[in-house]
């Protein structure tokens, strides 16, 4: 009996062409990624030519004269920011180097100095040592008294708190160097640091036999300490500036969507290489230029699709959130990514790519494009952004000596027609960066 047989099967498959893949890739790029991509393509493909931006500069200046709050198109000049003269070069400084410099001046015995230098290199960016690192040192058969002496030496250096193995020890090292350190502060840091973070003043006061006011006073002194003494030696992260992809501004008496393509180089097909493709007699040259011509046309079509899709999304958001953009309300209407896809007749994945890391600037400020896609609370309820705004307003108006509990906040929202559970109030409050009732209480 033969094990080989023939059969036919009918099925549908979606094949992603290179052109479709490129279109999807460009759609999800943010502004800076797109600029970098176009520069790369221009270097690799001789048929892709970038034109001068002088005309775009003039158009951007004309728009700024009409809409004074726009500030996300082009830099004021083409030069980058120069470093401040006389500013310290932090790249040549480090916590380990600073600690080792102090150790060299101590005239320590060579074994102790070598171990201290090793521990200084193990300190993390916060200036702390992990217990795992110390266990690793002990595994090297180094005597425990020498390890303890090296640890104490490291903890005696500047900045105060360096070499600590925990947050509590870091704060205790700093308190120990203060001439008038309060025993209450040290006891709270030693035993009740988690409870202090949760604002459980009454519990701490009862355990230590003091008043809640004394605990609050101690909290202020403890808060003045530096929990991460090594951070000042870290190279600061470069400032990242958001460049809006879309403007919504009032022009000629009505709100309009303006694509912020003033920063994008105008891409076109090089007429020289296009003529060479027609006139060249070399088969290899014609094949190479024909391939690059196809890639250039795909790029132009993908850029046009990207701009059209982004404009469609922005116009649909403007239509749905018109009261917000017109200044009549700070609350958003419920609108999901699926709703936007249905309205535009596009797939939700296309909307997801079009709104990824894109920003919109309007008179109210600069927002992520997905900020305006706020889910409804329930099937017919208000948007989650509306609920958070109402919750924030209630907390702002509360009596700080008697703050509202989460249950009371849920009851007050119910009186406004917004019915949510207490745990949902706690969730939204946490997302807004607000503490519990105990944490917001002020004497």
Protein backbone atom coordinates (compact mmCIF):
# COMPACT_ATOMS: atom_id res chain seq x y z
CA UNK A 1 0.00 0.00 0.00
CA UNK A 2 1.48 3.33 -1.07
CA UNK A 3 1.90 6.02 1.60
CA UNK A 4 2.10 8.79 -0.99
CA UNK A 5 -1.14 10.41 -2.16
CA UNK A 6 -2.25 13.64 -3.81
CA UNK A 7 -4.95 15.99 -2.49
CA UNK A 8 -6.25 19.49 -3.23
CA UNK A 9 -7.18 22.10 -0.67
CA UNK A 10 -8.79 25.55 -1.10
CA UNK A 11 -7.80 28.23 1.43
CA UNK A 12 -7.19 31.96 1.71
CA UNK A 13 -3.84 33.41 2.78
CA UNK A 14 -2.64 36.96 3.28
CA UNK A 15 0.75 37.58 1.74
CA UNK A 16 2.58 40.67 3.00
CA UNK A 17 4.40 42.25 0.08
CA UNK A 18 7.58 44.29 0.65
CA UNK A 19 5.59 47.43 -0.22
CA UNK A 20 2.94 46.65 2.41
CA UNK A 21 5.58 45.88 5.03
CA UNK A 22 7.29 49.20 4.34
CA UNK A 23 3.99 51.05 4.54
CA UNK A 24 3.22 49.45 7.92
CA UNK A 25 6.71 50.25 9.18
CA UNK A 26 6.49 53.92 8.20
CA UNK A 27 3.00 54.27 9.69
CA UNK A 28 4.13 53.34 13.18
CA UNK A 29 7.26 55.52 13.14
CA UNK A 30 7.24 58.67 15.23
CA UNK A 31 8.65 61.91 13.86
CA UNK A 32 12.28 61.44 14.86
CA UNK A 33 12.34 57.82 13.69
CA UNK A 34 10.94 58.88 10.33
CA UNK A 35 13.56 61.60 9.88
CA UNK A 36 16.35 59.12 10.67
CA UNK A 37 14.84 56.57 8.28
CA UNK A 38 14.58 59.05 5.39
CA UNK A 39 18.18 60.12 5.91
CA UNK A 40 19.29 56.48 5.83
CA UNK A 41 17.29 55.72 2.69
CA UNK A 42 18.70 58.80 0.95
CA UNK A 43 22.22 57.52 1.59
CA UNK A 44 21.47 53.98 0.38
CA UNK A 45 19.27 54.76 -2.64
CA UNK A 46 20.71 57.19 -5.21
CA UNK A 47 17.27 57.75 -6.75
CA UNK A 48 15.88 59.19 -3.48
CA UNK A 49 16.67 62.88 -3.39
CA UNK A 50 16.00 65.34 -0.56
CA UNK A 51 15.09 68.91 -1.48
CA UNK A 52 15.85 72.09 0.43
CA UNK A 53 13.74 72.90 3.48
CA UNK A 54 13.75 76.68 2.94
CA UNK A 55 10.19 76.68 1.62
CA UNK A 56 8.99 74.61 4.60
CA UNK A 57 10.75 77.00 6.97
CA UNK A 58 8.82 79.89 5.49
CA UNK A 59 5.53 77.99 5.73
CA UNK A 60 6.22 77.15 9.35
CA UNK A 61 7.04 80.78 10.19
CA UNK A 62 3.80 81.89 8.53
CA UNK A 63 1.84 79.37 10.61
CA UNK A 64 3.48 80.53 13.85
CA UNK A 65 2.45 84.09 13.10
CA UNK A 66 -1.17 82.95 12.94
CA UNK A 67 -1.02 80.50 15.87
CA UNK A 68 1.29 81.89 18.53
CA UNK A 69 1.31 78.81 20.82
CA UNK A 70 2.79 76.45 18.21
CA UNK A 71 6.31 75.47 19.22
CA UNK A 72 6.88 71.98 17.92
CA UNK A 73 7.94 72.27 14.31
CA UNK A 74 11.50 73.40 13.75
CA UNK A 75 14.28 74.61 16.03
CA UNK A 76 14.90 78.33 16.15
CA UNK A 77 18.23 77.76 14.43
CA UNK A 78 20.07 74.85 12.89
CA UNK A 79 22.77 74.69 15.49
CA UNK A 80 22.77 72.25 18.34
CA UNK A 81 22.98 73.32 21.93
CA UNK A 82 26.58 74.03 22.95
CA UNK A 83 27.82 72.93 26.35
CA UNK A 84 28.01 75.62 28.96
CA UNK A 85 31.52 76.99 29.42
CA UNK A 86 33.04 76.06 32.74
CA UNK A 87 30.49 73.32 33.39
CA UNK A 88 31.99 70.14 34.89
CA UNK A 89 32.43 67.20 32.57
CA UNK A 90 30.55 64.52 34.50
CA UNK A 91 31.63 61.82 32.06
CA UNK A 92 35.12 61.96 33.57
CA UNK A 93 33.79 61.68 37.12
CA UNK A 94 32.35 58.64 38.85
CA UNK A 95 31.42 57.59 42.35
CA UNK A 96 34.08 54.87 42.39
CA UNK A 97 36.82 57.34 41.36
CA UNK A 98 35.69 59.81 44.03
CA UNK A 99 35.76 57.12 46.72
CA UNK A 100 39.14 55.75 45.63
CA UNK A 101 40.61 59.25 45.70
CA UNK A 102 39.57 59.57 49.35
CA UNK A 103 40.94 56.13 50.16
CA UNK A 104 44.36 56.99 48.71
CA UNK A 105 44.64 59.85 51.19
CA UNK A 106 43.89 57.64 54.20
CA UNK A 107 47.29 55.86 54.10
CA UNK A 108 45.61 52.51 54.76
CA UNK A 109 47.44 49.16 54.91
CA UNK A 110 47.74 47.64 51.45
CA UNK A 111 45.37 44.66 52.04
CA UNK A 112 42.71 46.96 53.51
CA UNK A 113 43.19 49.55 50.76
CA UNK A 114 42.88 46.92 48.03
CA UNK A 115 39.66 45.54 49.54
CA UNK A 116 38.18 49.02 50.01
CA UNK A 117 38.92 49.88 46.38
CA UNK A 118 37.25 46.64 45.31
CA UNK A 119 34.13 47.43 47.37
CA UNK A 120 34.07 50.96 45.94
CA UNK A 121 33.88 49.47 42.44
CA UNK A 122 30.99 47.23 43.52
CA UNK A 123 28.80 50.15 44.72
CA UNK A 124 25.77 50.63 42.46
CA UNK A 125 24.50 53.90 41.01
CA UNK A 126 22.74 54.71 44.31
CA UNK A 127 25.97 54.22 46.24
CA UNK A 128 24.84 50.99 47.92
CA UNK A 129 26.34 47.52 48.26
CA UNK A 130 24.24 44.41 47.85
CA UNK A 131 24.48 41.52 50.26
CA UNK A 132 25.20 39.24 47.32
CA UNK A 133 28.37 41.21 46.53
CA UNK A 134 29.53 40.97 50.13
CA UNK A 135 28.82 37.23 50.14
CA UNK A 136 30.91 36.96 46.99
CA UNK A 137 33.78 38.73 48.74
CA UNK A 138 33.51 36.31 51.67
CA UNK A 139 33.61 33.40 49.20
CA UNK A 140 37.12 34.56 48.21
CA UNK A 141 38.36 33.34 51.63
CA UNK A 142 38.94 36.90 52.85
CA UNK A 143 38.81 37.09 56.68
CA UNK A 144 35.48 38.41 57.95
CA UNK A 145 37.13 40.99 60.30
CA UNK A 146 38.94 42.49 57.29
CA UNK A 147 35.68 42.65 55.30
CA UNK A 148 33.93 44.37 58.20
CA UNK A 149 36.79 46.86 58.58
CA UNK A 150 36.73 47.65 54.84
CA UNK A 151 32.95 48.13 54.94
CA UNK A 152 33.20 50.52 57.89
CA UNK A 153 35.99 52.43 56.15
CA UNK A 154 33.92 52.78 52.97
CA UNK A 155 30.89 53.95 54.96
CA UNK A 156 32.99 56.66 56.62
CA UNK A 157 33.70 58.34 53.28
CA UNK A 158 31.80 61.11 51.53
CA UNK A 159 29.01 61.32 50.51
CA UNK A 160 27.35 60.32 53.75
CA UNK A 161 25.41 57.08 53.40
CA UNK A 162 27.62 55.52 50.75
CA UNK A 163 28.34 51.80 51.16
CA UNK A 164 25.03 51.09 52.88
CA UNK A 165 23.37 47.72 52.34
CA UNK A 166 19.79 49.00 52.63
CA UNK A 167 17.79 52.22 52.65
CA UNK A 168 17.49 52.08 56.42
CA UNK A 169 21.24 51.75 56.89
CA UNK A 170 21.86 54.56 54.38
CA UNK A 171 19.68 56.97 56.37
CA UNK A 172 21.13 55.84 59.69
CA UNK A 173 24.67 56.56 58.45
CA UNK A 174 23.61 60.09 57.56
CA UNK A 175 21.85 60.65 60.88
CA UNK A 176 24.89 59.38 62.79
CA UNK A 177 27.01 62.21 61.33
CA UNK A 178 24.63 64.92 62.53
CA UNK A 179 25.67 66.59 65.75
CA UNK A 180 22.11 67.06 67.01
CA UNK A 181 20.58 63.87 65.58
CA UNK A 182 17.34 62.96 67.30
CA UNK A 183 17.15 59.50 68.89
CA UNK A 184 13.53 59.39 67.75
CA UNK A 185 14.59 59.86 64.11
CA UNK A 186 17.09 57.02 64.35
CA UNK A 187 14.59 54.70 66.03
CA UNK A 188 11.95 55.38 63.38
CA UNK A 189 14.45 54.77 60.57
CA UNK A 190 15.71 51.61 62.27
CA UNK A 191 12.30 50.00 62.95
CA UNK A 192 9.39 51.79 61.29
CA UNK A 193 10.51 53.04 57.88
CA UNK A 194 7.80 51.09 55.95
CA UNK A 195 5.09 52.33 58.33
CA UNK A 196 6.37 55.89 57.94
CA UNK A 197 6.10 55.59 54.17
CA UNK A 198 2.44 54.56 54.58
CA UNK A 199 1.79 57.55 56.91
CA UNK A 200 0.83 55.35 59.85
CA UNK A 201 1.73 58.03 62.39
CA UNK A 202 -0.60 56.74 65.08
CA UNK A 203 0.87 53.25 65.02
CA UNK A 204 4.45 54.54 65.23
CA UNK A 205 3.57 56.97 68.02
CA UNK A 206 1.90 54.23 70.04
CA UNK A 207 4.86 51.84 69.67
CA UNK A 208 7.44 54.48 70.63
CA UNK A 209 5.40 56.25 73.29
CA UNK A 210 5.41 59.66 71.58
CA UNK A 211 2.77 61.88 70.00
CA UNK A 212 1.72 61.81 66.36
CA UNK A 213 2.94 65.40 65.96
CA UNK A 214 6.43 64.33 67.03
CA UNK A 215 6.36 61.55 64.42
CA UNK A 216 5.32 64.06 61.72
CA UNK A 217 8.16 66.37 62.75
CA UNK A 218 10.59 63.44 62.57
CA UNK A 219 9.24 62.59 59.11
CA UNK A 220 10.18 66.05 57.84
CA UNK A 221 13.73 65.69 59.14
CA UNK A 222 14.07 62.19 57.66
CA UNK A 223 12.69 63.38 54.31
CA UNK A 224 15.55 65.90 54.12
CA UNK A 225 18.08 63.04 53.95
CA UNK A 226 19.39 61.68 50.65
CA UNK A 227 18.22 58.08 50.01
CA UNK A 228 20.52 57.75 46.97
CA UNK A 229 23.83 59.51 47.74
CA UNK A 230 25.50 58.08 44.64
CA UNK A 231 23.06 59.56 42.15
CA UNK A 232 24.80 62.94 42.04
CA UNK A 233 27.75 61.25 40.30
CA UNK A 234 25.65 59.80 37.50
CA UNK A 235 25.78 61.34 34.05
CA UNK A 236 22.46 63.15 33.56
CA UNK A 237 20.18 61.71 30.91
CA UNK A 238 19.87 63.91 27.83
CA UNK A 239 16.68 65.91 27.68
CA UNK A 240 14.22 64.48 25.17
CA UNK A 241 11.90 67.00 23.55
CA UNK A 242 8.54 65.93 22.17
CA UNK A 243 7.88 66.99 18.60
CA UNK A 244 4.13 67.06 17.83
CA UNK A 245 3.05 65.13 14.76
CA UNK A 246 -0.27 66.97 14.47
CA UNK A 247 -1.53 70.45 15.29
CA UNK A 248 -5.19 71.33 15.90
CA UNK A 249 -5.48 75.08 15.57
CA UNK A 250 -8.16 77.65 14.77
CA UNK A 251 -7.62 79.09 11.31
CA UNK A 252 -10.14 81.18 9.36
CA UNK A 253 -12.62 80.89 12.22
CA UNK A 254 -12.68 77.10 12.53
CA UNK A 255 -10.58 74.34 14.08
CA UNK A 256 -8.41 72.53 11.57
CA UNK A 257 -5.99 69.60 11.54
CA UNK A 258 -2.47 70.52 10.40
CA UNK A 259 0.11 67.79 9.87
CA UNK A 260 3.44 68.82 11.31
CA UNK A 261 5.57 67.80 8.34
CA UNK A 262 7.61 71.01 8.41
CA UNK A 263 10.58 69.08 9.83
CA UNK A 264 10.47 66.32 7.18
CA UNK A 265 12.72 66.67 4.13
CA UNK A 266 10.82 66.66 0.87
CA UNK A 267 11.67 63.39 -0.87
CA UNK A 268 11.56 63.03 -4.64
CA UNK A 269 13.03 60.87 -7.40
CA UNK A 270 16.33 62.14 -8.77
CA UNK A 271 15.81 63.31 -12.37
CA UNK A 272 19.44 62.52 -13.22
CA UNK A 273 19.19 58.84 -12.31
CA UNK A 274 15.70 58.60 -13.82
CA UNK A 275 17.15 59.80 -17.14
CA UNK A 276 20.11 57.44 -16.74
CA UNK A 277 17.69 54.53 -16.34
CA UNK A 278 16.16 55.31 -19.72
CA UNK A 279 19.38 56.06 -21.57
CA UNK A 280 21.85 53.52 -20.15
CA UNK A 281 22.87 50.65 -22.42
CA UNK A 282 24.41 48.51 -19.65
CA UNK A 283 22.08 45.73 -18.47
CA UNK A 284 23.53 45.64 -14.96
CA UNK A 285 23.13 49.39 -14.49
CA UNK A 286 19.55 49.31 -15.79
CA UNK A 287 18.67 46.38 -13.49
CA UNK A 288 20.17 48.14 -10.47
CA UNK A 289 18.44 51.46 -11.24
CA UNK A 290 15.15 49.71 -11.98
CA UNK A 291 15.22 48.07 -8.53
CA UNK A 292 16.07 51.36 -6.81
CA UNK A 293 13.36 53.16 -8.78
CA UNK A 294 10.77 50.66 -7.54
CA UNK A 295 11.95 51.15 -3.94
CA UNK A 296 11.78 54.94 -4.32
CA UNK A 297 8.21 54.81 -5.65
CA UNK A 298 7.18 52.50 -2.80
CA UNK A 299 8.67 55.00 -0.35
CA UNK A 300 6.75 57.93 -1.84
CA UNK A 301 3.48 55.97 -1.81
CA UNK A 302 4.07 54.84 1.79
CA UNK A 303 4.75 58.41 2.93
CA UNK A 304 1.55 59.60 1.25
CA UNK A 305 -0.44 56.81 2.93
CA UNK A 306 1.10 57.60 6.31
CA UNK A 307 0.16 61.27 6.07
CA UNK A 308 -3.36 60.46 4.90
CA UNK A 309 -4.01 57.92 7.66
CA UNK A 310 -2.64 60.23 10.34
CA UNK A 311 -4.80 63.08 9.08
CA UNK A 312 -7.90 60.87 9.06
CA UNK A 313 -7.27 59.82 12.67
CA UNK A 314 -6.71 63.40 13.82
CA UNK A 315 -9.84 64.67 12.05
CA UNK A 316 -11.96 61.90 13.59
CA UNK A 317 -10.55 62.72 17.04
CA UNK A 318 -11.28 66.42 16.48
CA UNK A 319 -14.85 65.60 15.53
CA UNK A 320 -15.39 63.31 18.55
CA UNK A 321 -13.66 65.59 21.08
CA UNK A 322 -14.76 68.96 19.66
CA UNK A 323 -15.92 70.35 23.04
CA UNK A 324 -12.44 69.73 24.44
CA UNK A 325 -10.55 71.38 21.58
CA UNK A 326 -12.95 74.32 21.44
CA UNK A 327 -12.36 74.97 25.15
CA UNK A 328 -15.94 74.32 26.26
CA UNK A 329 -15.02 71.30 28.41
CA UNK A 330 -11.95 69.64 29.89
CA UNK A 331 -13.62 66.22 29.80
CA UNK A 332 -13.29 63.76 26.92
CA UNK A 333 -16.08 61.78 25.33
CA UNK A 334 -15.70 57.99 25.44
CA UNK A 335 -13.84 56.77 22.37
CA UNK A 336 -11.90 53.54 21.96
CA UNK A 337 -9.44 52.47 19.29
CA UNK A 338 -12.13 50.14 17.94
CA UNK A 339 -14.59 53.04 17.67
CA UNK A 340 -12.05 55.07 15.72
CA UNK A 341 -11.35 52.10 13.43
CA UNK A 342 -15.07 51.62 12.74
CA UNK A 343 -15.55 55.30 12.02
CA UNK A 344 -12.70 55.36 9.49
CA UNK A 345 -13.30 51.89 8.04
CA UNK A 346 -9.79 50.75 8.99
CA UNK A 347 -8.47 47.78 10.92
CA UNK A 348 -7.75 48.40 14.64
CA UNK A 349 -4.13 47.35 14.07
CA UNK A 350 -3.79 50.20 11.55
CA UNK A 351 -5.14 52.66 14.12
CA UNK A 352 -2.74 51.23 16.71
CA UNK A 353 0.23 51.82 14.41
CA UNK A 354 -0.96 55.29 13.39
CA UNK A 355 -1.29 56.47 17.01
CA UNK A 356 1.87 54.80 18.36
CA UNK A 357 4.14 57.39 20.02
CA UNK A 358 2.46 60.21 18.10
CA UNK A 359 1.73 63.56 19.76
CA UNK A 360 -0.89 66.22 19.18
CA UNK A 361 -0.48 69.87 20.11
CA UNK A 362 -3.46 72.13 20.62
CA UNK A 363 -4.22 75.29 22.56
CA UNK A 364 -4.56 73.26 25.78
CA UNK A 365 -1.07 71.71 25.47
CA UNK A 366 0.74 68.73 23.95
CA UNK A 367 -0.78 65.27 24.46
CA UNK A 368 -0.08 61.72 23.27
CA UNK A 369 -2.53 60.97 20.48
CA UNK A 370 -3.83 57.98 22.45
CA UNK A 371 -4.80 60.30 25.33
CA UNK A 372 -7.95 61.13 23.38
CA UNK A 373 -8.89 57.45 23.10
CA UNK A 374 -10.41 57.14 26.55
CA UNK A 375 -12.39 53.99 27.35
CA UNK A 376 -15.94 54.37 28.67
CA UNK A 377 -16.84 53.31 32.18
CA UNK A 378 -19.26 50.49 31.51
CA UNK A 379 -21.27 50.41 28.32
CA UNK A 380 -22.85 53.87 28.40
CA UNK A 381 -20.83 55.60 31.13
CA UNK A 382 -18.47 58.56 30.87
CA UNK A 383 -14.85 58.17 29.84
CA UNK A 384 -12.22 57.10 32.34
CA UNK A 385 -10.51 60.46 31.85
CA UNK A 386 -13.73 62.22 32.92
CA UNK A 387 -13.96 60.10 36.06
CA UNK A 388 -10.35 60.87 36.95
CA UNK A 389 -10.95 64.61 36.50
CA UNK A 390 -14.01 64.48 38.76
CA UNK A 391 -12.05 62.49 41.34
CA UNK A 392 -9.16 64.95 41.21
CA UNK A 393 -11.55 67.88 41.69
CA UNK A 394 -13.15 66.27 44.75
CA UNK A 395 -9.75 65.69 46.35
CA UNK A 396 -8.64 69.25 45.61
CA UNK A 397 -11.71 70.64 47.38
CA UNK A 398 -11.50 68.36 50.44
CA UNK A 399 -10.61 69.45 53.96
CA UNK A 400 -6.99 68.34 54.38
CA UNK A 401 -7.44 67.90 58.12
CA UNK A 402 -10.27 65.42 57.38
CA UNK A 403 -9.55 63.98 53.90
CA UNK A 404 -12.14 61.92 52.08
CA UNK A 405 -11.85 58.15 52.21
CA UNK A 406 -12.11 56.07 49.04
CA UNK A 407 -15.59 54.94 50.07
CA UNK A 408 -16.73 58.53 50.57
CA UNK A 409 -15.24 59.52 47.21
CA UNK A 410 -17.21 56.70 45.56
CA UNK A 411 -20.40 58.00 47.22
CA UNK A 412 -19.79 61.58 46.06
CA UNK A 413 -19.14 60.38 42.50
CA UNK A 414 -22.38 58.39 42.66
CA UNK A 415 -24.21 61.62 43.48
CA UNK A 416 -22.84 62.99 40.19
CA UNK A 417 -24.17 59.97 38.33
CA UNK A 418 -20.86 58.08 38.21
CA UNK A 419 -21.23 54.73 39.95
CA UNK A 420 -17.93 52.95 40.56
CA UNK A 421 -16.65 50.64 43.28
CA UNK A 422 -14.36 51.73 46.08
CA UNK A 423 -11.49 49.64 44.68
CA UNK A 424 -11.88 51.43 41.34
CA UNK A 425 -11.59 54.76 43.13
CA UNK A 426 -8.40 53.51 44.80
CA UNK A 427 -7.04 52.38 41.42
CA UNK A 428 -7.71 55.73 39.72
CA UNK A 429 -6.37 57.64 42.73
CA UNK A 430 -3.12 55.67 42.54
CA UNK A 431 -2.84 56.32 38.79
CA UNK A 432 -3.20 60.04 39.51
CA UNK A 433 -0.31 59.82 41.99
CA UNK A 434 -2.49 60.68 45.00
CA UNK A 435 -2.04 59.11 48.41
CA UNK A 436 -4.66 57.52 50.60
CA UNK A 437 -6.73 59.52 53.08
CA UNK A 438 -4.09 58.94 55.74
CA UNK A 439 -1.35 60.08 53.39
CA UNK A 440 -3.22 63.28 52.45
CA UNK A 441 -4.08 64.25 56.00
CA UNK A 442 -2.49 67.45 57.29
CA UNK A 443 -2.60 68.70 60.85
